[in-house]
Amino acid sequence: MPLVGYSLGSHADNQSQPKSVQIILRRVGVEKERFGSVSFSLKRFLKSSGKSYFHWVTLYDSLDDDLFEGDLGVDDDMDFPRVLLEYQVVSS
């Protein structure tokens, strides 16, 4: 995956926003060709320590408005573009 990173959301100066992990998918070697992004609030993983997930996730166009609002591990969103993610929460 080209880029995975932590963010404080769209307003980094606002410390009251929950932290999130943002996944940005782009074509390797082409900086400006982005397929989309999705962010997960880290609060979603608090009760998921040691669990593995495998599901489709919709990618969003806007880096500032890409928060995943579905259920972890559930394929209930069939919008496109999307990416098949497999991940494990090691600790929370």
C-alpha atoms as a PDB file:
ATOM      1  CA  MET A   1       0.000   0.000   0.000  1.00  0.00           C
ATOM      2  CA  PRO A   2       1.561   3.330  -0.983  1.00  0.00           C
ATOM      3  CA  LEU A   3       0.519   5.330   2.111  1.00  0.00           C
ATOM      4  CA  VAL A   4      -1.003   4.679   5.518  1.00  0.00           C
ATOM      5  CA  GLY A   5      -0.821   7.354   8.186  1.00  0.00           C
ATOM      6  CA  TYR A   6      -2.345   8.906  11.242  1.00  0.00           C
ATOM      7  CA  SER A   7      -4.249  12.161  11.189  1.00  0.00           C
ATOM      8  CA  LEU A   8      -6.256  14.404  13.477  1.00  0.00           C
ATOM      9  CA  GLY A   9      -8.915  14.772  10.817  1.00  0.00           C
ATOM     10  CA  SER A  10      -9.416  17.728   8.509  1.00  0.00           C
ATOM     11  CA  HIS A  11      -8.666  20.308  11.241  1.00  0.00           C
ATOM     12  CA  ALA A  12      -5.304  19.325  12.751  1.00  0.00           C
ATOM     13  CA  ASP A  13      -5.393  22.302  15.118  1.00  0.00           C
ATOM     14  CA  ASN A  14      -8.603  21.046  16.775  1.00  0.00           C
ATOM     15  CA  GLN A  15      -7.399  18.601  19.457  1.00  0.00           C
ATOM     16  CA  SER A  16     -10.974  17.610  20.406  1.00  0.00           C
ATOM     17  CA  GLN A  17     -11.449  15.620  17.202  1.00  0.00           C
ATOM     18  CA  PRO A  18     -10.907  11.871  17.496  1.00  0.00           C
ATOM     19  CA  LYS A  19      -7.721  10.544  15.965  1.00  0.00           C
ATOM     20  CA  SER A  20      -8.049   8.421  12.871  1.00  0.00           C
ATOM     21  CA  VAL A  21      -5.986   6.279  10.556  1.00  0.00           C
ATOM     22  CA  GLN A  22      -6.277   7.329   6.918  1.00  0.00           C
ATOM     23  CA  ILE A  23      -5.571   5.012   3.991  1.00  0.00           C
ATOM     24  CA  ILE A  24      -4.855   6.647   0.635  1.00  0.00           C
ATOM     25  CA  LEU A  25      -4.662   4.494  -2.472  1.00  0.00           C
ATOM     26  CA  ARG A  26      -2.767   5.783  -5.466  1.00  0.00           C
ATOM     27  CA  ARG A  27      -0.992   4.372  -8.466  1.00  0.00           C
ATOM     28  CA  VAL A  28       2.582   3.421  -7.539  1.00  0.00           C
ATOM     29  CA  GLY A  29       5.087   5.906  -8.949  1.00  0.00           C
ATOM     30  CA  VAL A  30       2.446   8.478  -9.902  1.00  0.00           C
ATOM     31  CA  GLU A  31       2.028  11.033  -7.107  1.00  0.00           C
ATOM     32  CA  LYS A  32      -1.063  12.779  -8.497  1.00  0.00           C
ATOM     33  CA  GLU A  33      -3.106   9.749  -9.601  1.00  0.00           C
ATOM     34  CA  ARG A  34      -5.164   8.872  -6.533  1.00  0.00           C
ATOM     35  CA  PHE A  35      -7.917   6.233  -6.529  1.00  0.00           C
ATOM     36  CA  GLY A  36      -9.452   7.423  -3.273  1.00  0.00           C
ATOM     37  CA  SER A  37      -9.114   7.323   0.487  1.00  0.00           C
ATOM     38  CA  VAL A  38     -10.851   6.125   3.627  1.00  0.00           C
ATOM     39  CA  SER A  39     -10.338   7.010   7.294  1.00  0.00           C
ATOM     40  CA  PHE A  40     -11.141   4.918  10.345  1.00  0.00           C
ATOM     41  CA  SER A  41     -11.703   6.502  13.742  1.00  0.00           C
ATOM     42  CA  LEU A  42      -9.322   4.854  16.194  1.00  0.00           C
ATOM     43  CA  LYS A  43     -12.192   4.669  18.702  1.00  0.00           C
ATOM     44  CA  ARG A  44     -13.695   1.901  16.530  1.00  0.00           C
ATOM     45  CA  PHE A  45     -10.763  -0.345  17.403  1.00  0.00           C
ATOM     46  CA  LEU A  46     -10.888   0.029  21.214  1.00  0.00           C
ATOM     47  CA  LYS A  47     -12.858  -3.197  21.727  1.00  0.00           C
ATOM     48  CA  SER A  48     -11.306  -5.034  18.788  1.00  0.00           C
ATOM     49  CA  SER A  49      -7.898  -6.013  20.160  1.00  0.00           C
ATOM     50  CA  GLY A  50      -6.716  -9.289  18.636  1.00  0.00           C
ATOM     51  CA  LYS A  51      -9.471  -9.382  15.998  1.00  0.00           C
ATOM     52  CA  SER A  52      -8.952  -9.733  12.253  1.00  0.00           C
ATOM     53  CA  TYR A  53     -11.163  -8.195   9.575  1.00  0.00           C
ATOM     54  CA  PHE A  54     -11.604  -8.791   5.855  1.00  0.00           C
ATOM     55  CA  HIS A  55     -14.152  -6.679   3.974  1.00  0.00           C
ATOM     56  CA  TRP A  56     -14.834  -4.267   1.113  1.00  0.00           C
ATOM     57  CA  VAL A  57     -14.566  -0.552   1.899  1.00  0.00           C
ATOM     58  CA  THR A  58     -15.740   2.333  -0.279  1.00  0.00           C
ATOM     59  CA  LEU A  59     -13.068   4.861  -1.277  1.00  0.00           C
ATOM     60  CA  TYR A  60     -13.887   8.576  -1.151  1.00  0.00           C
ATOM     61  CA  ASP A  61     -12.743  11.463  -3.352  1.00  0.00           C
ATOM     62  CA  SER A  62     -12.149  14.005  -0.583  1.00  0.00           C
ATOM     63  CA  LEU A  63      -9.317  13.560   1.922  1.00  0.00           C
ATOM     64  CA  ASP A  64     -11.235  15.761   4.381  1.00  0.00           C
ATOM     65  CA  ASP A  65     -14.514  13.820   4.158  1.00  0.00           C
ATOM     66  CA  ASP A  66     -13.652  10.101   3.967  1.00  0.00           C
ATOM     67  CA  LEU A  67     -14.649   8.719   7.383  1.00  0.00           C
ATOM     68  CA  PHE A  68     -15.794   5.081   7.338  1.00  0.00           C
ATOM     69  CA  GLU A  69     -19.190   4.854   9.037  1.00  0.00           C
ATOM     70  CA  GLY A  70     -20.057   1.195   8.471  1.00  0.00           C
ATOM     71  CA  ASP A  71     -19.514  -1.843  10.668  1.00  0.00           C
ATOM     72  CA  LEU A  72     -16.031  -3.345  10.810  1.00  0.00           C
ATOM     73  CA  GLY A  73     -15.867  -6.656   8.981  1.00  0.00           C
ATOM     74  CA  VAL A  74     -19.294  -6.294   7.331  1.00  0.00           C
ATOM     75  CA  ASP A  75     -19.732  -5.974   3.552  1.00  0.00           C
ATOM     76  CA  ASP A  76     -22.789  -3.701   3.563  1.00  0.00           C
ATOM     77  CA  ASP A  77     -21.555  -0.892   1.313  1.00  0.00           C
ATOM     78  CA  MET A  78     -21.350  -1.752  -2.381  1.00  0.00           C
ATOM     79  CA  ASP A  79     -20.469   1.694  -3.769  1.00  0.00           C
ATOM     80  CA  PHE A  80     -17.546   2.163  -6.143  1.00  0.00           C
ATOM     81  CA  PRO A  81     -14.637   2.662  -6.145  1.00  0.00           C
ATOM     82  CA  ARG A  82     -13.848   0.287  -3.318  1.00  0.00           C
ATOM     83  CA  VAL A  83     -10.961  -1.743  -1.951  1.00  0.00           C
ATOM     84  CA  LEU A  84     -10.803  -5.143  -0.265  1.00  0.00           C
ATOM     85  CA  LEU A  85      -9.017  -4.683   3.079  1.00  0.00           C
ATOM     86  CA  GLU A  86      -7.619  -7.301   5.400  1.00  0.00           C
ATOM     87  CA  TYR A  87      -6.279  -6.060   8.724  1.00  0.00           C
ATOM     88  CA  GLN A  88      -5.744  -7.096  12.315  1.00  0.00           C
ATOM     89  CA  VAL A  89      -6.041  -4.953  15.411  1.00  0.00           C
ATOM     90  CA  VAL A  90      -2.974  -5.899  17.434  1.00  0.00           C
ATOM     91  CA  SER A  91      -3.647  -3.733  20.490  1.00  0.00           C
ATOM     92  CA  SER A  92      -5.995  -0.941  21.449  1.00  0.00           C
END
